[in-house]
Amino acid sequence: MTHQTVVTGIIVEETTIFSLGELSRACGKPAEWIIALVEEGVIEPVGSDRSQWKFKGHCLRRVRIVQRLVSDLGLNLAGAALALELLEEVETLRNRIAALEK
């Protein structure tokens, strides 16, 4: 007997734009938590007024990674922001190495 797993998700492209409320709902976190991520420099909104903030698609990915770092490792937002930066630097270096090996 085989078991099938059904995975559902949303494909977010770079051209996808989220409002503060939409990003908050997509992450299951209150808007105040998203605002704290902006203050930590994890994500950068477009627009100067909070009521008009827009977030590009890559912000959702960054927020999801921070969520995992906070929940799985117990990091605070500042620690998660630093860990995210280091993870992205490692990814960039791995991509460079892969390009050089071709």
Protein backbone atom coordinates (compact mmCIF):
# COMPACT_ATOMS: atom_id res chain seq x y z
CA MET A 1 0.00 0.00 0.00
CA THR A 2 1.46 3.35 -1.01
CA HIS A 3 0.89 6.57 0.83
CA GLN A 4 0.55 9.78 -1.06
CA THR A 5 1.44 13.11 0.40
CA VAL A 6 -0.28 16.20 -0.90
CA VAL A 7 1.60 19.43 -0.46
CA THR A 8 -0.08 22.75 -1.06
CA GLY A 9 1.58 26.10 -1.28
CA ILE A 10 1.77 29.40 -3.02
CA ILE A 11 4.43 30.20 -5.57
CA VAL A 12 5.60 33.74 -4.96
CA GLU A 13 7.49 35.49 -7.68
CA GLU A 14 9.67 38.54 -7.35
CA THR A 15 6.93 40.57 -8.98
CA THR A 16 4.48 39.69 -6.19
CA ILE A 17 3.75 42.65 -3.94
CA PHE A 18 2.32 42.38 -0.41
CA SER A 19 0.79 45.04 1.79
CA LEU A 20 1.66 44.96 5.50
CA GLY A 21 -1.62 43.16 6.24
CA GLU A 22 -1.15 40.63 3.45
CA LEU A 23 2.40 39.81 4.56
CA SER A 24 1.19 39.52 8.14
CA ARG A 25 -1.56 37.07 7.13
CA ALA A 26 0.78 35.07 4.88
CA CYS A 27 3.14 34.56 7.82
CA GLY A 28 0.49 34.11 10.48
CA LYS A 29 2.09 36.84 12.58
CA PRO A 30 0.73 40.18 13.79
CA ALA A 31 1.63 43.35 11.91
CA GLU A 32 3.67 44.49 14.92
CA TRP A 33 5.99 41.52 14.40
CA ILE A 34 6.47 42.46 10.74
CA ILE A 35 7.18 46.05 11.81
CA ALA A 36 9.83 44.74 14.22
CA LEU A 37 11.46 42.91 11.29
CA VAL A 38 11.55 46.16 9.35
CA GLU A 39 13.17 47.87 12.34
CA GLU A 40 15.79 45.07 12.52
CA GLY A 41 16.54 45.51 8.82
CA VAL A 42 15.37 42.00 7.90
CA ILE A 43 12.93 43.30 5.30
CA GLU A 44 12.61 46.67 3.62
CA PRO A 45 9.25 48.10 2.65
CA VAL A 46 8.64 50.36 -0.30
CA GLY A 47 6.88 53.53 0.80
CA SER A 48 7.40 55.90 3.68
CA ASP A 49 4.06 55.63 5.50
CA ARG A 50 3.23 52.33 7.27
CA SER A 51 -0.29 52.37 5.90
CA GLN A 52 1.15 52.41 2.38
CA TRP A 53 4.05 49.97 2.85
CA LYS A 54 4.53 47.38 0.12
CA PHE A 55 6.81 44.37 0.33
CA LYS A 56 8.36 42.50 -2.59
CA GLY A 57 8.04 38.74 -2.93
CA HIS A 58 11.49 37.95 -1.51
CA CYS A 59 10.43 39.50 1.81
CA LEU A 60 8.07 36.56 2.42
CA ARG A 61 10.96 34.13 2.04
CA ARG A 62 13.11 36.14 4.46
CA VAL A 63 10.29 36.36 7.01
CA ARG A 64 9.67 32.61 6.82
CA ILE A 65 13.35 31.89 7.44
CA VAL A 66 13.36 34.23 10.45
CA GLN A 67 10.24 32.50 11.78
CA ARG A 68 12.04 29.15 11.66
CA LEU A 69 15.16 30.57 13.29
CA VAL A 70 13.11 32.05 16.11
CA SER A 71 10.91 29.00 16.68
CA ASP A 72 13.48 26.23 16.09
CA LEU A 73 16.57 27.81 17.62
CA GLY A 74 15.01 30.21 20.09
CA LEU A 75 16.81 33.22 18.64
CA ASN A 76 15.58 36.74 19.24
CA LEU A 77 14.92 38.94 16.21
CA ALA A 78 18.38 40.52 16.26
CA GLY A 79 20.03 37.09 16.37
CA ALA A 80 17.75 35.77 13.65
CA ALA A 81 18.55 38.80 11.47
CA LEU A 82 22.28 38.12 11.85
CA ALA A 83 21.84 34.40 11.18
CA LEU A 84 19.78 35.18 8.07
CA GLU A 85 22.51 37.48 6.79
CA LEU A 86 25.13 34.78 7.31
CA LEU A 87 22.96 32.11 5.66
CA GLU A 88 22.50 34.33 2.61
CA GLU A 89 26.23 35.00 2.46
CA VAL A 90 26.93 31.24 2.52
CA GLU A 91 24.37 30.75 -0.28
CA THR A 92 26.04 33.47 -2.36
CA LEU A 93 29.47 31.91 -1.86
CA ARG A 94 28.17 28.44 -2.77
CA ASN A 95 26.65 29.83 -5.95
CA ARG A 96 29.95 31.49 -6.85
CA ILE A 97 31.84 28.26 -6.27
CA ALA A 98 29.34 26.32 -8.39
CA ALA A 99 29.71 28.87 -11.20
CA LEU A 100 33.50 28.64 -11.07
CA GLU A 101 33.40 24.82 -11.15
CA LYS A 102 31.42 24.81 -14.42
